[in-house]
Amino acid sequence: MLLGSILVSPPLIGLLSALAGGMLAILPGLLYAKLAYSRRRVAPQVLLKAHFRAEAAKLLLTIALFVVVLLVFKSVSAPALLGAFVLAQAAYWISLLSK
């Protein structure tokens, strides 16, 4: 967010765009975790179905949030939005791969 506020003029637009981009990555990830891990100790087939449903819901929520941000936030800075989104996604995948 700090980088977005430094590189974009006016700084508040860069800050809010970067914040929105980060939230576009974080909120669907939270939904995925909630849906995929809501039940414990189930058959592998049930667990696999839960993960597929959670991934589909995550993708749909990501698309919906992008549409909402682009429709509501008219003066969004696309580089700050997409940059923060990509950085948050990269952090998510790096954390998954480091385990």
N, C-alpha and C. Protein backbone atom coordinates (compact mmCIF):
# COMPACT_ATOMS: atom_id res chain seq x y z
N MET A 1 0.82 -1.18 0.00
CA MET A 1 0.00 0.00 0.00
C MET A 1 0.87 1.24 0.00
N LEU A 2 1.95 1.17 0.75
CA LEU A 2 2.86 2.31 0.81
C LEU A 2 3.44 2.60 -0.57
N LEU A 3 3.83 1.56 -1.28
CA LEU A 3 4.38 1.75 -2.62
C LEU A 3 3.34 2.34 -3.56
N GLY A 4 2.09 1.89 -3.43
CA GLY A 4 1.02 2.45 -4.26
C GLY A 4 0.80 3.91 -3.98
N SER A 5 0.89 4.30 -2.71
CA SER A 5 0.69 5.71 -2.38
C SER A 5 1.86 6.58 -2.81
N ILE A 6 3.04 5.98 -2.93
CA ILE A 6 4.21 6.75 -3.37
C ILE A 6 4.22 6.92 -4.88
N LEU A 7 3.87 5.86 -5.61
CA LEU A 7 4.00 5.86 -7.07
C LEU A 7 2.80 6.46 -7.80
N VAL A 8 1.65 6.55 -7.15
CA VAL A 8 0.44 7.01 -7.82
C VAL A 8 0.08 8.40 -7.33
N SER A 9 -0.35 9.23 -8.26
CA SER A 9 -0.80 10.57 -7.88
C SER A 9 -2.29 10.68 -8.16
N PRO A 10 -3.09 11.08 -7.24
CA PRO A 10 -2.84 11.44 -5.85
C PRO A 10 -2.57 10.21 -4.99
N PRO A 11 -1.82 10.38 -3.92
CA PRO A 11 -1.40 9.24 -3.09
C PRO A 11 -2.57 8.45 -2.49
N LEU A 12 -3.66 9.12 -2.16
CA LEU A 12 -4.79 8.40 -1.56
C LEU A 12 -5.39 7.39 -2.54
N ILE A 13 -5.43 7.73 -3.82
CA ILE A 13 -5.95 6.80 -4.84
C ILE A 13 -5.05 5.58 -4.93
N GLY A 14 -3.75 5.77 -4.91
CA GLY A 14 -2.81 4.65 -4.95
C GLY A 14 -2.94 3.78 -3.72
N LEU A 15 -3.10 4.40 -2.57
CA LEU A 15 -3.25 3.66 -1.32
C LEU A 15 -4.52 2.82 -1.33
N LEU A 16 -5.63 3.43 -1.71
CA LEU A 16 -6.90 2.70 -1.74
C LEU A 16 -6.92 1.63 -2.82
N SER A 17 -6.30 1.89 -3.95
CA SER A 17 -6.22 0.90 -5.02
C SER A 17 -5.41 -0.32 -4.57
N ALA A 18 -4.29 -0.06 -3.92
CA ALA A 18 -3.46 -1.16 -3.42
C ALA A 18 -4.18 -1.94 -2.32
N LEU A 19 -4.89 -1.24 -1.46
CA LEU A 19 -5.67 -1.91 -0.42
C LEU A 19 -6.74 -2.80 -1.04
N ALA A 20 -7.43 -2.28 -2.04
CA ALA A 20 -8.46 -3.08 -2.73
C ALA A 20 -7.83 -4.30 -3.40
N GLY A 21 -6.68 -4.12 -4.02
CA GLY A 21 -6.00 -5.25 -4.68
C GLY A 21 -5.60 -6.33 -3.69
N GLY A 22 -5.11 -5.93 -2.54
CA GLY A 22 -4.77 -6.91 -1.51
C GLY A 22 -5.99 -7.65 -0.99
N MET A 23 -7.07 -6.90 -0.78
CA MET A 23 -8.31 -7.53 -0.29
C MET A 23 -8.92 -8.46 -1.34
N LEU A 24 -8.70 -8.14 -2.63
CA LEU A 24 -9.20 -9.01 -3.69
C LEU A 24 -8.51 -10.38 -3.66
N ALA A 25 -7.35 -10.45 -3.08
CA ALA A 25 -6.65 -11.73 -2.95
C ALA A 25 -6.94 -12.40 -1.61
N ILE A 26 -7.07 -11.62 -0.56
CA ILE A 26 -7.21 -12.17 0.79
C ILE A 26 -8.61 -12.71 1.06
N LEU A 27 -9.64 -11.94 0.71
CA LEU A 27 -11.01 -12.36 1.02
C LEU A 27 -11.42 -13.69 0.36
N PRO A 28 -11.13 -13.89 -0.94
CA PRO A 28 -11.45 -15.19 -1.51
C PRO A 28 -10.65 -16.34 -0.87
N GLY A 29 -9.42 -16.05 -0.45
CA GLY A 29 -8.63 -17.08 0.25
C GLY A 29 -9.25 -17.48 1.57
N LEU A 30 -9.81 -16.50 2.27
CA LEU A 30 -10.50 -16.81 3.53
C LEU A 30 -11.76 -17.64 3.28
N LEU A 31 -12.49 -17.30 2.21
CA LEU A 31 -13.67 -18.09 1.85
C LEU A 31 -13.27 -19.53 1.53
N TYR A 32 -12.18 -19.69 0.78
CA TYR A 32 -11.69 -21.03 0.45
C TYR A 32 -11.40 -21.83 1.73
N ALA A 33 -10.69 -21.23 2.65
CA ALA A 33 -10.35 -21.92 3.90
C ALA A 33 -11.60 -22.31 4.67
N LYS A 34 -12.57 -21.42 4.72
CA LYS A 34 -13.80 -21.68 5.45
C LYS A 34 -14.56 -22.85 4.82
N LEU A 35 -14.66 -22.86 3.50
CA LEU A 35 -15.42 -23.92 2.82
C LEU A 35 -14.68 -25.25 2.76
N ALA A 36 -13.40 -25.19 2.49
CA ALA A 36 -12.64 -26.43 2.30
C ALA A 36 -12.37 -27.17 3.60
N TYR A 37 -12.24 -26.44 4.69
CA TYR A 37 -11.86 -27.06 5.95
C TYR A 37 -12.96 -26.97 7.01
N SER A 38 -14.21 -26.86 6.56
CA SER A 38 -15.30 -26.74 7.52
C SER A 38 -15.61 -28.08 8.21
N ARG A 39 -15.33 -29.18 7.54
CA ARG A 39 -15.59 -30.50 8.15
C ARG A 39 -14.28 -31.25 8.33
N ARG A 40 -14.17 -31.88 9.46
CA ARG A 40 -12.97 -32.66 9.77
C ARG A 40 -13.31 -34.15 9.75
N ARG A 41 -12.31 -34.93 9.50
CA ARG A 41 -12.41 -36.39 9.54
C ARG A 41 -13.55 -36.93 8.67
N VAL A 42 -13.44 -36.64 7.39
CA VAL A 42 -14.40 -37.16 6.42
C VAL A 42 -13.66 -38.01 5.40
N ALA A 43 -14.42 -38.71 4.60
CA ALA A 43 -13.83 -39.56 3.57
C ALA A 43 -13.06 -38.70 2.56
N PRO A 44 -12.01 -39.26 1.97
CA PRO A 44 -11.22 -38.48 1.01
C PRO A 44 -12.05 -37.93 -0.16
N GLN A 45 -13.05 -38.69 -0.61
CA GLN A 45 -13.89 -38.22 -1.71
C GLN A 45 -14.66 -36.96 -1.31
N VAL A 46 -15.16 -36.94 -0.09
CA VAL A 46 -15.90 -35.79 0.42
C VAL A 46 -14.97 -34.59 0.56
N LEU A 47 -13.78 -34.84 1.04
CA LEU A 47 -12.80 -33.77 1.19
C LEU A 47 -12.40 -33.19 -0.16
N LEU A 48 -12.20 -34.05 -1.15
CA LEU A 48 -11.84 -33.58 -2.49
C LEU A 48 -12.96 -32.73 -3.09
N LYS A 49 -14.21 -33.16 -2.92
CA LYS A 49 -15.35 -32.37 -3.41
C LYS A 49 -15.40 -31.02 -2.72
N ALA A 50 -15.12 -31.00 -1.43
CA ALA A 50 -15.13 -29.74 -0.68
C ALA A 50 -14.07 -28.79 -1.22
N HIS A 51 -12.90 -29.32 -1.56
CA HIS A 51 -11.84 -28.47 -2.10
C HIS A 51 -12.20 -27.94 -3.49
N PHE A 52 -12.82 -28.77 -4.33
CA PHE A 52 -13.23 -28.30 -5.65
C PHE A 52 -14.30 -27.22 -5.53
N ARG A 53 -15.27 -27.42 -4.64
CA ARG A 53 -16.31 -26.40 -4.43
C ARG A 53 -15.71 -25.12 -3.89
N ALA A 54 -14.79 -25.26 -2.96
CA ALA A 54 -14.15 -24.08 -2.37
C ALA A 54 -13.36 -23.31 -3.42
N GLU A 55 -12.67 -24.02 -4.29
CA GLU A 55 -11.90 -23.34 -5.34
C GLU A 55 -12.82 -22.64 -6.33
N ALA A 56 -13.93 -23.26 -6.68
CA ALA A 56 -14.90 -22.62 -7.58
C ALA A 56 -15.48 -21.36 -6.92
N ALA A 57 -15.82 -21.45 -5.65
CA ALA A 57 -16.36 -20.29 -4.94
C ALA A 57 -15.31 -19.19 -4.85
N LYS A 58 -14.07 -19.57 -4.63
CA LYS A 58 -12.98 -18.59 -4.56
C LYS A 58 -12.82 -17.86 -5.89
N LEU A 59 -12.86 -18.57 -6.98
CA LEU A 59 -12.72 -17.97 -8.30
C LEU A 59 -13.90 -17.03 -8.59
N LEU A 60 -15.12 -17.48 -8.30
CA LEU A 60 -16.30 -16.64 -8.53
C LEU A 60 -16.27 -15.38 -7.67
N LEU A 61 -15.86 -15.51 -6.41
CA LEU A 61 -15.78 -14.34 -5.55
C LEU A 61 -14.71 -13.38 -6.03
N THR A 62 -13.59 -13.88 -6.50
CA THR A 62 -12.53 -13.02 -7.02
C THR A 62 -13.04 -12.22 -8.21
N ILE A 63 -13.72 -12.88 -9.13
CA ILE A 63 -14.27 -12.20 -10.30
C ILE A 63 -15.30 -11.15 -9.88
N ALA A 64 -16.19 -11.55 -8.98
CA ALA A 64 -17.23 -10.62 -8.51
C ALA A 64 -16.63 -9.40 -7.82
N LEU A 65 -15.62 -9.62 -7.01
CA LEU A 65 -14.99 -8.49 -6.32
C LEU A 65 -14.27 -7.56 -7.29
N PHE A 66 -13.62 -8.12 -8.31
CA PHE A 66 -12.98 -7.28 -9.32
C PHE A 66 -14.04 -6.42 -10.02
N VAL A 67 -15.16 -7.02 -10.37
CA VAL A 67 -16.22 -6.27 -11.04
C VAL A 67 -16.75 -5.16 -10.14
N VAL A 68 -16.98 -5.49 -8.88
CA VAL A 68 -17.49 -4.48 -7.93
C VAL A 68 -16.50 -3.34 -7.78
N VAL A 69 -15.23 -3.66 -7.60
CA VAL A 69 -14.22 -2.60 -7.42
C VAL A 69 -14.15 -1.72 -8.67
N LEU A 70 -14.16 -2.33 -9.84
CA LEU A 70 -14.04 -1.54 -11.06
C LEU A 70 -15.29 -0.71 -11.35
N LEU A 71 -16.46 -1.17 -10.91
CA LEU A 71 -17.68 -0.40 -11.11
C LEU A 71 -17.87 0.70 -10.07
N VAL A 72 -17.50 0.42 -8.83
CA VAL A 72 -17.73 1.37 -7.74
C VAL A 72 -16.61 2.39 -7.63
N PHE A 73 -15.39 1.95 -7.76
CA PHE A 73 -14.22 2.79 -7.55
C PHE A 73 -13.76 3.32 -8.92
N LYS A 74 -14.38 4.39 -9.38
CA LYS A 74 -14.16 4.89 -10.75
C LYS A 74 -12.73 5.38 -11.00
N SER A 75 -12.09 5.92 -9.99
CA SER A 75 -10.74 6.47 -10.20
C SER A 75 -9.65 5.51 -9.73
N VAL A 76 -9.91 4.22 -9.82
CA VAL A 76 -8.94 3.22 -9.37
C VAL A 76 -7.67 3.29 -10.22
N SER A 77 -6.55 3.08 -9.57
CA SER A 77 -5.27 2.99 -10.28
C SER A 77 -5.03 1.51 -10.61
N ALA A 78 -5.14 1.19 -11.87
CA ALA A 78 -5.00 -0.21 -12.30
C ALA A 78 -3.63 -0.80 -11.93
N PRO A 79 -2.52 -0.09 -12.11
CA PRO A 79 -1.24 -0.68 -11.72
C PRO A 79 -1.15 -0.98 -10.22
N ALA A 80 -1.66 -0.08 -9.39
CA ALA A 80 -1.61 -0.32 -7.94
C ALA A 80 -2.53 -1.47 -7.55
N LEU A 81 -3.73 -1.52 -8.15
CA LEU A 81 -4.68 -2.58 -7.87
C LEU A 81 -4.11 -3.94 -8.25
N LEU A 82 -3.67 -4.05 -9.49
CA LEU A 82 -3.15 -5.33 -9.97
C LEU A 82 -1.81 -5.69 -9.32
N GLY A 83 -0.99 -4.69 -9.05
CA GLY A 83 0.29 -4.97 -8.39
C GLY A 83 0.10 -5.55 -7.00
N ALA A 84 -0.80 -4.95 -6.23
CA ALA A 84 -1.07 -5.47 -4.89
C ALA A 84 -1.73 -6.85 -4.95
N PHE A 85 -2.62 -7.05 -5.92
CA PHE A 85 -3.25 -8.35 -6.09
C PHE A 85 -2.21 -9.43 -6.40
N VAL A 86 -1.33 -9.14 -7.32
CA VAL A 86 -0.30 -10.11 -7.71
C VAL A 86 0.65 -10.38 -6.54
N LEU A 87 1.04 -9.35 -5.82
CA LEU A 87 1.93 -9.55 -4.68
C LEU A 87 1.27 -10.39 -3.58
N ALA A 88 -0.01 -10.15 -3.32
CA ALA A 88 -0.70 -10.94 -2.31
C ALA A 88 -0.86 -12.39 -2.76
N GLN A 89 -1.14 -12.59 -4.04
CA GLN A 89 -1.24 -13.96 -4.56
C GLN A 89 0.12 -14.66 -4.51
N ALA A 90 1.17 -13.93 -4.84
CA ALA A 90 2.52 -14.52 -4.79
C ALA A 90 2.88 -14.92 -3.36
N ALA A 91 2.54 -14.08 -2.41
CA ALA A 91 2.82 -14.41 -1.01
C ALA A 91 2.05 -15.66 -0.59
N TYR A 92 0.81 -15.77 -1.04
CA TYR A 92 -0.01 -16.94 -0.73
C TYR A 92 0.64 -18.21 -1.30
N TRP A 93 1.03 -18.16 -2.57
CA TRP A 93 1.62 -19.35 -3.19
C TRP A 93 2.99 -19.69 -2.63
N ILE A 94 3.78 -18.69 -2.30
CA ILE A 94 5.08 -18.95 -1.69
C ILE A 94 4.90 -19.62 -0.32
N SER A 95 3.89 -19.17 0.43
CA SER A 95 3.65 -19.81 1.74
C SER A 95 3.19 -21.24 1.57
N LEU A 96 2.41 -21.54 0.53
CA LEU A 96 2.00 -22.92 0.28
C LEU A 96 3.18 -23.80 -0.12
N LEU A 97 4.05 -23.27 -0.94
CA LEU A 97 5.19 -24.05 -1.42
C LEU A 97 6.27 -24.24 -0.37
N SER A 98 6.30 -23.38 0.63
CA SER A 98 7.36 -23.48 1.64
C SER A 98 7.05 -24.51 2.71
N LYS A 99 5.90 -25.11 2.68
CA LYS A 99 5.54 -26.10 3.72
C LYS A 99 5.99 -27.48 3.37
